[in-house]
PDB file of N, CA and C in Angstrom:
ATOM      1  N   UNK A   1     107.698  80.204 114.080  1.00  0.00           N
ATOM      2  CA  UNK A   1     109.047  79.908 114.498  1.00  0.00           C
ATOM      3  C   UNK A   1     109.262  78.406 114.352  1.00  0.00           C
ATOM      4  N   UNK A   2     110.391  78.052 113.776  1.00  0.00           N
ATOM      5  CA  UNK A   2     110.650  76.629 113.590  1.00  0.00           C
ATOM      6  C   UNK A   2     111.351  76.046 114.832  1.00  0.00           C
ATOM      7  N   UNK A   3     111.441  74.735 114.856  1.00  0.00           N
ATOM      8  CA  UNK A   3     112.007  74.019 115.996  1.00  0.00           C
ATOM      9  C   UNK A   3     113.445  74.454 116.262  1.00  0.00           C
ATOM     10  N   UNK A   4     114.251  74.591 115.206  1.00  0.00           N
ATOM     11  CA  UNK A   4     115.667  74.932 115.354  1.00  0.00           C
ATOM     12  C   UNK A   4     115.844  76.270 116.081  1.00  0.00           C
ATOM     13  N   UNK A   5     115.086  77.297 115.691  1.00  0.00           N
ATOM     14  CA  UNK A   5     115.195  78.609 116.325  1.00  0.00           C
ATOM     15  C   UNK A   5     114.686  78.552 117.765  1.00  0.00           C
ATOM     16  N   UNK A   6     113.592  77.836 117.996  1.00  0.00           N
ATOM     17  CA  UNK A   6     113.066  77.698 119.354  1.00  0.00           C
ATOM     18  C   UNK A   6     114.074  76.983 120.253  1.00  0.00           C
ATOM     19  N   UNK A   7     114.722  75.958 119.748  1.00  0.00           N
ATOM     20  CA  UNK A   7     115.721  75.230 120.529  1.00  0.00           C
ATOM     21  C   UNK A   7     116.928  76.110 120.802  1.00  0.00           C
ATOM     22  N   UNK A   8     117.325  76.926 119.833  1.00  0.00           N
ATOM     23  CA  UNK A   8     118.450  77.836 120.042  1.00  0.00           C
ATOM     24  C   UNK A   8     118.132  78.844 121.158  1.00  0.00           C
ATOM     25  N   UNK A   9     116.897  79.348 121.178  1.00  0.00           N
ATOM     26  CA  UNK A   9     116.470  80.247 122.259  1.00  0.00           C
ATOM     27  C   UNK A   9     116.577  79.533 123.601  1.00  0.00           C
ATOM     28  N   UNK A  10     116.035  78.333 123.657  1.00  0.00           N
ATOM     29  CA  UNK A  10     116.043  77.551 124.905  1.00  0.00           C
ATOM     30  C   UNK A  10     117.470  77.279 125.351  1.00  0.00           C
ATOM     31  N   UNK A  11     118.320  76.841 124.436  1.00  0.00           N
ATOM     32  CA  UNK A  11     119.704  76.504 124.773  1.00  0.00           C
ATOM     33  C   UNK A  11     120.524  77.730 125.159  1.00  0.00           C
ATOM     34  N   UNK A  12     120.114  78.911 124.712  1.00  0.00           N
ATOM     35  CA  UNK A  12     120.822  80.156 125.017  1.00  0.00           C
ATOM     36  C   UNK A  12     120.331  80.805 126.299  1.00  0.00           C
ATOM     37  N   UNK A  13     119.371  80.166 126.976  1.00  0.00           N
ATOM     38  CA  UNK A  13     118.920  80.663 128.266  1.00  0.00           C
ATOM     39  C   UNK A  13     117.778  81.650 128.219  1.00  0.00           C
ATOM     40  N   UNK A  14     116.975  81.638 127.154  1.00  0.00           N
ATOM     41  CA  UNK A  14     115.831  82.545 127.118  1.00  0.00           C
ATOM     42  C   UNK A  14     114.945  82.245 128.318  1.00  0.00           C
ATOM     43  N   UNK A  15     114.498  83.296 129.032  1.00  0.00           N
ATOM     44  CA  UNK A  15     113.694  83.071 130.243  1.00  0.00           C
ATOM     45  C   UNK A  15     112.438  82.249 129.957  1.00  0.00           C
ATOM     46  N   UNK A  16     112.217  81.240 130.777  1.00  0.00           N
ATOM     47  CA  UNK A  16     111.048  80.371 130.604  1.00  0.00           C
ATOM     48  C   UNK A  16     109.792  81.102 131.060  1.00  0.00           C
ATOM     49  N   UNK A  17     108.767  81.083 130.228  1.00  0.00           N
ATOM     50  CA  UNK A  17     107.491  81.715 130.541  1.00  0.00           C
ATOM     51  C   UNK A  17     106.657  80.794 131.416  1.00  0.00           C
ATOM     52  N   UNK A  18     105.864  81.383 132.291  1.00  0.00           N
ATOM     53  CA  UNK A  18     104.941  80.588 133.097  1.00  0.00           C
ATOM     54  C   UNK A  18     103.917  79.883 132.216  1.00  0.00           C
ATOM     55  N   UNK A  19     103.559  80.472 131.077  1.00  0.00           N
ATOM     56  CA  UNK A  19     102.570  79.888 130.163  1.00  0.00           C
ATOM     57  C   UNK A  19     103.113  78.675 129.415  1.00  0.00           C
ATOM     58  N   UNK A  20     104.418  78.545 129.315  1.00  0.00           N
ATOM     59  CA  UNK A  20     104.997  77.507 128.473  1.00  0.00           C
ATOM     60  C   UNK A  20     104.597  76.114 128.895  1.00  0.00           C
ATOM     61  N   UNK A  21     104.463  75.862 130.172  1.00  0.00           N
ATOM     62  CA  UNK A  21     104.149  74.528 130.648  1.00  0.00           C
ATOM     63  C   UNK A  21     102.745  74.073 130.317  1.00  0.00           C
ATOM     64  N   UNK A  22     101.896  74.988 129.857  1.00  0.00           N
ATOM     65  CA  UNK A  22     100.502  74.646 129.585  1.00  0.00           C
ATOM     66  C   UNK A  22     100.284  74.070 128.189  1.00  0.00           C
ATOM     67  N   UNK A  23     101.290  74.080 127.359  1.00  0.00           N
ATOM     68  CA  UNK A  23     101.110  73.671 125.971  1.00  0.00           C
ATOM     69  C   UNK A  23     101.536  72.225 125.762  1.00  0.00           C
ATOM     70  N   UNK A  24     100.853  71.556 124.870  1.00  0.00           N
ATOM     71  CA  UNK A  24     101.137  70.147 124.621  1.00  0.00           C
ATOM     72  C   UNK A  24     102.402  69.989 123.793  1.00  0.00           C
ATOM     73  N   UNK A  25     102.820  68.748 123.613  1.00  0.00           N
ATOM     74  CA  UNK A  25     104.009  68.480 122.804  1.00  0.00           C
ATOM     75  C   UNK A  25     103.692  68.573 121.318  1.00  0.00           C
ATOM     76  N   UNK A  26     102.442  68.685 120.985  1.00  0.00           N
ATOM     77  CA  UNK A  26     102.060  68.829 119.582  1.00  0.00           C
ATOM     78  C   UNK A  26     101.925  70.297 119.234  1.00  0.00           C
ATOM     79  N   UNK A  27     102.103  70.619 117.970  1.00  0.00           N
ATOM     80  CA  UNK A  27     101.924  71.992 117.518  1.00  0.00           C
ATOM     81  C   UNK A  27     100.506  72.424 117.868  1.00  0.00           C
ATOM     82  N   UNK A  28     100.369  73.560 118.523  1.00  0.00           N
ATOM     83  CA  UNK A  28      99.051  74.046 118.938  1.00  0.00           C
ATOM     84  C   UNK A  28      99.061  75.558 118.776  1.00  0.00           C
ATOM     85  N   UNK A  29      98.480  76.052 117.714  1.00  0.00           N
ATOM     86  CA  UNK A  29      98.551  77.481 117.445  1.00  0.00           C
ATOM     87  C   UNK A  29      99.986  77.842 117.139  1.00  0.00           C
ATOM     88  N   UNK A  30     100.532  78.814 117.856  1.00  0.00           N
ATOM     89  CA  UNK A  30     101.922  79.210 117.667  1.00  0.00           C
ATOM     90  C   UNK A  30     102.854  78.551 118.674  1.00  0.00           C
ATOM     91  N   UNK A  31     102.388  77.513 119.351  1.00  0.00           N
ATOM     92  CA  UNK A  31     103.175  76.923 120.421  1.00  0.00           C
ATOM     93  C   UNK A  31     103.527  75.466 120.141  1.00  0.00           C
ATOM     94  N   UNK A  32     104.684  75.083 120.534  1.00  0.00           N
ATOM     95  CA  UNK A  32     105.072  73.684 120.583  1.00  0.00           C
ATOM     96  C   UNK A  32     106.176  73.572 121.622  1.00  0.00           C
ATOM     97  N   UNK A  33     106.451  72.383 122.061  1.00  0.00           N
ATOM     98  CA  UNK A  33     107.440  72.192 123.110  1.00  0.00           C
ATOM     99  C   UNK A  33     108.797  71.863 122.511  1.00  0.00           C
ATOM    100  N   UNK A  34     109.850  72.409 123.126  1.00  0.00           N
ATOM    101  CA  UNK A  34     111.223  72.120 122.752  1.00  0.00           C
ATOM    102  C   UNK A  34     111.926  71.694 124.028  1.00  0.00           C
ATOM    103  N   UNK A  35     112.123  70.408 124.184  1.00  0.00           N
ATOM    104  CA  UNK A  35     112.784  69.879 125.377  1.00  0.00           C
ATOM    105  C   UNK A  35     112.167  70.440 126.655  1.00  0.00           C
ATOM    106  N   UNK A  36     110.849  70.490 126.700  1.00  0.00           N
ATOM    107  CA  UNK A  36     110.162  70.961 127.890  1.00  0.00           C
ATOM    108  C   UNK A  36     109.889  72.454 127.934  1.00  0.00           C
ATOM    109  N   UNK A  37     110.341  73.184 126.962  1.00  0.00           N
ATOM    110  CA  UNK A  37     110.097  74.621 126.901  1.00  0.00           C
ATOM    111  C   UNK A  37     109.237  74.928 125.689  1.00  0.00           C
ATOM    112  N   UNK A  38     108.247  75.780 125.854  1.00  0.00           N
ATOM    113  CA  UNK A  38     107.390  76.168 124.738  1.00  0.00           C
ATOM    114  C   UNK A  38     107.945  77.376 124.021  1.00  0.00           C
ATOM    115  N   UNK A  39     107.474  77.615 122.848  1.00  0.00           N
ATOM    116  CA  UNK A  39     107.888  78.770 122.068  1.00  0.00           C
ATOM    117  C   UNK A  39     107.289  80.028 122.702  1.00  0.00           C
ATOM    118  N   UNK A  40     108.101  81.059 122.936  1.00  0.00           N
ATOM    119  CA  UNK A  40     107.570  82.271 123.565  1.00  0.00           C
ATOM    120  C   UNK A  40     106.650  83.047 122.637  1.00  0.00           C
ATOM    121  N   UNK A  41     105.753  83.823 123.255  1.00  0.00           N
ATOM    122  CA  UNK A  41     104.872  84.712 122.509  1.00  0.00           C
ATOM    123  C   UNK A  41     105.679  85.918 122.049  1.00  0.00           C
ATOM    124  N   UNK A  42     105.188  86.611 121.031  1.00  0.00           N
ATOM    125  CA  UNK A  42     105.860  87.808 120.536  1.00  0.00           C
ATOM    126  C   UNK A  42     106.039  88.820 121.659  1.00  0.00           C
ATOM    127  N   UNK A  43     105.021  89.008 122.477  1.00  0.00           N
ATOM    128  CA  UNK A  43     105.112  89.984 123.573  1.00  0.00           C
ATOM    129  C   UNK A  43     106.229  89.624 124.552  1.00  0.00           C
ATOM    130  N   UNK A  44     106.452  88.326 124.796  1.00  0.00           N
ATOM    131  CA  UNK A  44     107.527  87.896 125.696  1.00  0.00           C
ATOM    132  C   UNK A  44     108.897  88.163 125.076  1.00  0.00           C
ATOM    133  N   UNK A  45     109.002  87.938 123.775  1.00  0.00           N
ATOM    134  CA  UNK A  45     110.256  88.198 123.078  1.00  0.00           C
ATOM    135  C   UNK A  45     110.595  89.689 123.114  1.00  0.00           C
ATOM    136  N   UNK A  46     109.591  90.529 122.845  1.00  0.00           N
ATOM    137  CA  UNK A  46     109.808  91.982 122.838  1.00  0.00           C
ATOM    138  C   UNK A  46     110.203  92.457 124.226  1.00  0.00           C
ATOM    139  N   UNK A  47     109.526  91.972 125.245  1.00  0.00           N
ATOM    140  CA  UNK A  47     109.843  92.366 126.622  1.00  0.00           C
ATOM    141  C   UNK A  47     111.281  91.983 126.979  1.00  0.00           C
ATOM    142  N   UNK A  48     111.721  90.821 126.546  1.00  0.00           N
ATOM    143  CA  UNK A  48     113.069  90.355 126.849  1.00  0.00           C
ATOM    144  C   UNK A  48     114.136  91.178 126.134  1.00  0.00           C
ATOM    145  N   UNK A  49     113.805  91.745 124.971  1.00  0.00           N
ATOM    146  CA  UNK A  49     114.774  92.537 124.213  1.00  0.00           C
ATOM    147  C   UNK A  49     114.860  93.976 124.706  1.00  0.00           C
ATOM    148  N   UNK A  50     113.826  94.466 125.346  1.00  0.00           N
ATOM    149  CA  UNK A  50     113.821  95.857 125.784  1.00  0.00           C
ATOM    150  C   UNK A  50     113.500  96.788 124.630  1.00  0.00           C
ATOM    151  N   UNK A  51     114.030  98.001 124.702  1.00  0.00           N
ATOM    152  CA  UNK A  51     113.740  99.003 123.677  1.00  0.00           C
ATOM    153  C   UNK A  51     114.241  98.545 122.321  1.00  0.00           C
ATOM    154  N   UNK A  52     113.355  98.538 121.368  1.00  0.00           N
ATOM    155  CA  UNK A  52     113.703  98.070 120.019  1.00  0.00           C
ATOM    156  C   UNK A  52     112.710  98.630 119.015  1.00  0.00           C
ATOM    157  N   UNK A  53     113.023  98.470 117.755  1.00  0.00           N
ATOM    158  CA  UNK A  53     112.123  98.851 116.668  1.00  0.00           C
ATOM    159  C   UNK A  53     111.812  97.596 115.869  1.00  0.00           C
ATOM    160  N   UNK A  54     110.548  97.372 115.589  1.00  0.00           N
ATOM    161  CA  UNK A  54     110.136  96.199 114.816  1.00  0.00           C
ATOM    162  C   UNK A  54     109.503  96.664 113.516  1.00  0.00           C
ATOM    163  N   UNK A  55     110.078  96.244 112.399  1.00  0.00           N
ATOM    164  CA  UNK A  55     109.535  96.559 111.075  1.00  0.00           C
ATOM    165  C   UNK A  55     108.974  95.280 110.469  1.00  0.00           C
ATOM    166  N   UNK A  56     107.709  95.320 110.087  1.00  0.00           N
ATOM    167  CA  UNK A  56     107.058  94.151 109.489  1.00  0.00           C
ATOM    168  C   UNK A  56     106.656  94.507 108.068  1.00  0.00           C
ATOM    169  N   UNK A  57     107.172  93.784 107.117  1.00  0.00           N
ATOM    170  CA  UNK A  57     106.876  93.995 105.706  1.00  0.00           C
ATOM    171  C   UNK A  57     106.002  92.840 105.234  1.00  0.00           C
ATOM    172  N   UNK A  58     104.698  92.954 105.467  1.00  0.00           N
ATOM    173  CA  UNK A  58     103.761  91.870 105.168  1.00  0.00           C
ATOM    174  C   UNK A  58     103.807  91.427 103.717  1.00  0.00           C
ATOM    175  N   UNK A  59     103.873  92.378 102.789  1.00  0.00           N
ATOM    176  CA  UNK A  59     103.858  92.029 101.361  1.00  0.00           C
ATOM    177  C   UNK A  59     105.059  91.180 100.971  1.00  0.00           C
ATOM    178  N   UNK A  60     106.177  91.411 101.632  1.00  0.00           N
ATOM    179  CA  UNK A  60     107.402  90.674 101.307  1.00  0.00           C
ATOM    180  C   UNK A  60     107.577  89.439 102.184  1.00  0.00           C
ATOM    181  N   UNK A  61     106.716  89.277 103.203  1.00  0.00           N
ATOM    182  CA  UNK A  61     106.866  88.145 104.117  1.00  0.00           C
ATOM    183  C   UNK A  61     108.168  88.220 104.882  1.00  0.00           C
ATOM    184  N   UNK A  62     108.487  89.413 105.386  1.00  0.00           N
ATOM    185  CA  UNK A  62     109.785  89.675 105.991  1.00  0.00           C
ATOM    186  C   UNK A  62     109.611  90.603 107.182  1.00  0.00           C
ATOM    187  N   UNK A  63     110.357  90.370 108.257  1.00  0.00           N
ATOM    188  CA  UNK A  63     110.333  91.237 109.438  1.00  0.00           C
ATOM    189  C   UNK A  63     111.758  91.507 109.886  1.00  0.00           C
ATOM    190  N   UNK A  64     111.905  92.643 110.567  1.00  0.00           N
ATOM    191  CA  UNK A  64     113.223  93.084 111.014  1.00  0.00           C
ATOM    192  C   UNK A  64     113.080  93.719 112.397  1.00  0.00           C
ATOM    193  N   UNK A  65     113.946  93.341 113.328  1.00  0.00           N
ATOM    194  CA  UNK A  65     113.962  93.915 114.671  1.00  0.00           C
ATOM    195  C   UNK A  65     115.326  94.570 114.895  1.00  0.00           C
ATOM    196  N   UNK A  66     115.305  95.814 115.371  1.00  0.00           N
ATOM    197  CA  UNK A  66     116.537  96.585 115.525  1.00  0.00           C
ATOM    198  C   UNK A  66     116.673  97.114 116.941  1.00  0.00           C
ATOM    199  N   UNK A  67     117.895  97.033 117.485  1.00  0.00           N
ATOM    200  CA  UNK A  67     118.173  97.559 118.824  1.00  0.00           C
ATOM    201  C   UNK A  67     119.673  97.676 119.007  1.00  0.00           C
ATOM    202  N   UNK A  68     120.121  98.815 119.517  1.00  0.00           N
ATOM    203  CA  UNK A  68     121.544  98.990 119.847  1.00  0.00           C
ATOM    204  C   UNK A  68     122.492  98.533 118.737  1.00  0.00           C
ATOM    205  N   UNK A  69     122.211  98.899 117.526  1.00  0.00           N
ATOM    206  CA  UNK A  69     123.036  98.548 116.363  1.00  0.00           C
ATOM    207  C   UNK A  69     123.061  97.048 116.083  1.00  0.00           C
ATOM    208  N   UNK A  70     122.165  96.296 116.719  1.00  0.00           N
ATOM    209  CA  UNK A  70     122.027  94.868 116.451  1.00  0.00           C
ATOM    210  C   UNK A  70     120.747  94.674 115.668  1.00  0.00           C
ATOM    211  N   UNK A  71     120.679  93.601 114.897  1.00  0.00           N
ATOM    212  CA  UNK A  71     119.497  93.360 114.081  1.00  0.00           C
ATOM    213  C   UNK A  71     119.167  91.880 114.078  1.00  0.00           C
ATOM    214  N   UNK A  72     117.867  91.596 114.028  1.00  0.00           N
ATOM    215  CA  UNK A  72     117.377  90.247 113.834  1.00  0.00           C
ATOM    216  C   UNK A  72     116.408  90.270 112.668  1.00  0.00           C
ATOM    217  N   UNK A  73     116.466  89.277 111.822  1.00  0.00           N
ATOM    218  CA  UNK A  73     115.590  89.205 110.655  1.00  0.00           C
ATOM    219  C   UNK A  73     114.903  87.858 110.601  1.00  0.00           C
ATOM    220  N   UNK A  74     113.741  87.823 109.966  1.00  0.00           N
ATOM    221  CA  UNK A  74     113.047  86.564 109.807  1.00  0.00           C
ATOM    222  C   UNK A  74     111.785  86.697 108.988  1.00  0.00           C
ATOM    223  N   UNK A  75     111.137  85.569 108.737  1.00  0.00           N
ATOM    224  CA  UNK A  75     109.894  85.554 107.965  1.00  0.00           C
ATOM    225  C   UNK A  75     108.730  86.100 108.767  1.00  0.00           C
ATOM    226  N   UNK A  76     108.819  86.035 110.100  1.00  0.00           N
ATOM    227  CA  UNK A  76     107.739  86.509 110.968  1.00  0.00           C
ATOM    228  C   UNK A  76     108.326  87.472 112.002  1.00  0.00           C
ATOM    229  N   UNK A  77     107.475  88.295 112.618  1.00  0.00           N
ATOM    230  CA  UNK A  77     107.975  89.153 113.696  1.00  0.00           C
ATOM    231  C   UNK A  77     108.613  88.338 114.828  1.00  0.00           C
ATOM    232  N   UNK A  78     108.032  87.191 115.170  1.00  0.00           N
ATOM    233  CA  UNK A  78     108.594  86.334 116.218  1.00  0.00           C
ATOM    234  C   UNK A  78     110.012  85.892 115.879  1.00  0.00           C
ATOM    235  N   UNK A  79     110.227  85.483 114.626  1.00  0.00           N
ATOM    236  CA  UNK A  79     111.562  85.057 114.204  1.00  0.00           C
ATOM    237  C   UNK A  79     112.560  86.206 114.309  1.00  0.00           C
ATOM    238  N   UNK A  80     112.161  87.385 113.838  1.00  0.00           N
ATOM    239  CA  UNK A  80     113.060  88.543 113.849  1.00  0.00           C
ATOM    240  C   UNK A  80     113.435  88.934 115.277  1.00  0.00           C
ATOM    241  N   UNK A  81     112.457  88.990 116.168  1.00  0.00           N
ATOM    242  CA  UNK A  81     112.731  89.399 117.546  1.00  0.00           C
ATOM    243  C   UNK A  81     113.520  88.311 118.282  1.00  0.00           C
ATOM    244  N   UNK A  82     113.235  87.049 118.001  1.00  0.00           N
ATOM    245  CA  UNK A  82     114.008  85.960 118.606  1.00  0.00           C
ATOM    246  C   UNK A  82     115.472  86.055 118.183  1.00  0.00           C
ATOM    247  N   UNK A  83     115.717  86.329 116.918  1.00  0.00           N
ATOM    248  CA  UNK A  83     117.100  86.442 116.436  1.00  0.00           C
ATOM    249  C   UNK A  83     117.782  87.689 117.011  1.00  0.00           C
ATOM    250  N   UNK A  84     117.015  88.762 117.230  1.00  0.00           N
ATOM    251  CA  UNK A  84     117.581  89.941 117.882  1.00  0.00           C
ATOM    252  C   UNK A  84     117.984  89.579 119.316  1.00  0.00           C
ATOM    253  N   UNK A  85     117.114  88.872 120.050  1.00  0.00           N
ATOM    254  CA  UNK A  85     117.446  88.484 121.417  1.00  0.00           C
ATOM    255  C   UNK A  85     118.722  87.650 121.438  1.00  0.00           C
ATOM    256  N   UNK A  86     118.842  86.711 120.494  1.00  0.00           N
ATOM    257  CA  UNK A  86     120.040  85.877 120.427  1.00  0.00           C
ATOM    258  C   UNK A  86     121.279  86.731 120.164  1.00  0.00           C
ATOM    259  N   UNK A  87     121.169  87.720 119.276  1.00  0.00           N
ATOM    260  CA  UNK A  87     122.299  88.606 118.979  1.00  0.00           C
ATOM    261  C   UNK A  87     122.678  89.445 120.197  1.00  0.00           C
ATOM    262  N   UNK A  88     121.677  89.961 120.906  1.00  0.00           N
ATOM    263  CA  UNK A  88     121.932  90.790 122.081  1.00  0.00           C
ATOM    264  C   UNK A  88     122.513  89.991 123.244  1.00  0.00           C
ATOM    265  N   UNK A  89     122.259  88.688 123.271  1.00  0.00           N
ATOM    266  CA  UNK A  89     122.691  87.844 124.383  1.00  0.00           C
ATOM    267  C   UNK A  89     123.795  86.863 123.999  1.00  0.00           C
ATOM    268  N   UNK A  90     124.448  87.152 122.904  1.00  0.00           N
ATOM    269  CA  UNK A  90     125.521  86.270 122.434  1.00  0.00           C
ATOM    270  C   UNK A  90     126.668  86.287 123.433  1.00  0.00           C
ATOM    271  N   UNK A  91     127.159  85.115 123.764  1.00  0.00           N
ATOM    272  CA  UNK A  91     128.286  84.980 124.672  1.00  0.00           C
ATOM    273  C   UNK A  91     129.471  84.498 123.853  1.00  0.00           C
ATOM    274  N   UNK A  92     130.511  85.318 123.809  1.00  0.00           N
ATOM    275  CA  UNK A  92     131.718  84.920 123.087  1.00  0.00           C
ATOM    276  C   UNK A  92     132.639  84.162 124.042  1.00  0.00           C
ATOM    277  N   UNK A  93     133.038  82.977 123.643  1.00  0.00           N
ATOM    278  CA  UNK A  93     133.931  82.159 124.452  1.00  0.00           C
ATOM    279  C   UNK A  93     135.282  82.134 123.767  1.00  0.00           C
ATOM    280  N   UNK A  94     136.338  82.565 124.473  1.00  0.00           N
ATOM    281  CA  UNK A  94     137.668  82.561 123.847  1.00  0.00           C
ATOM    282  C   UNK A  94     138.064  81.152 123.410  1.00  0.00           C
ATOM    283  N   UNK A  95     138.744  81.070 122.271  1.00  0.00           N
ATOM    284  CA  UNK A  95     139.171  79.759 121.764  1.00  0.00           C
ATOM    285  C   UNK A  95     140.174  79.096 122.686  1.00  0.00           C
ATOM    286  N   UNK A  96     141.065  79.880 123.299  1.00  0.00           N
ATOM    287  CA  UNK A  96     142.118  79.321 124.148  1.00  0.00           C
ATOM    288  C   UNK A  96     141.839  79.572 125.612  1.00  0.00           C
ATOM    289  N   UNK A  97     140.619  79.339 126.041  1.00  0.00           N
ATOM    290  CA  UNK A  97     140.259  79.575 127.433  1.00  0.00           C
ATOM    291  C   UNK A  97     140.781  78.443 128.305  1.00  0.00           C
ATOM    292  N   UNK A  98     141.389  78.810 129.424  1.00  0.00           N
ATOM    293  CA  UNK A  98     141.875  77.807 130.377  1.00  0.00           C
ATOM    294  C   UNK A  98     140.854  77.517 131.466  1.00  0.00           C
ATOM    295  N   UNK A  99     139.662  78.091 131.378  1.00  0.00           N
ATOM    296  CA  UNK A  99     138.639  77.918 132.415  1.00  0.00           C
ATOM    297  C   UNK A  99     137.736  76.764 132.090  1.00  0.00           C
TER     298      UNK A  99
END
């Protein structure tokens, strides 16, 4: 997962994992910090999305996560599930909101 996608998760309110605080600011395995939040594990992403189907096409370097007629795609399963979570949790703000 790249920094941009991790930051989008953080900015969209993805639940912070208890494990996130243990990782350094440098890339370490699959973890790095984004404004104090670490990149979630695949298991955390799947748990946050609930019931879903994950298709991993290793030969093509492509993954797809499907749930409730929503889809997330990416180069890795983490990317696909992260994008599915973002789609499922999208907040539409009216253009002419007086609030």
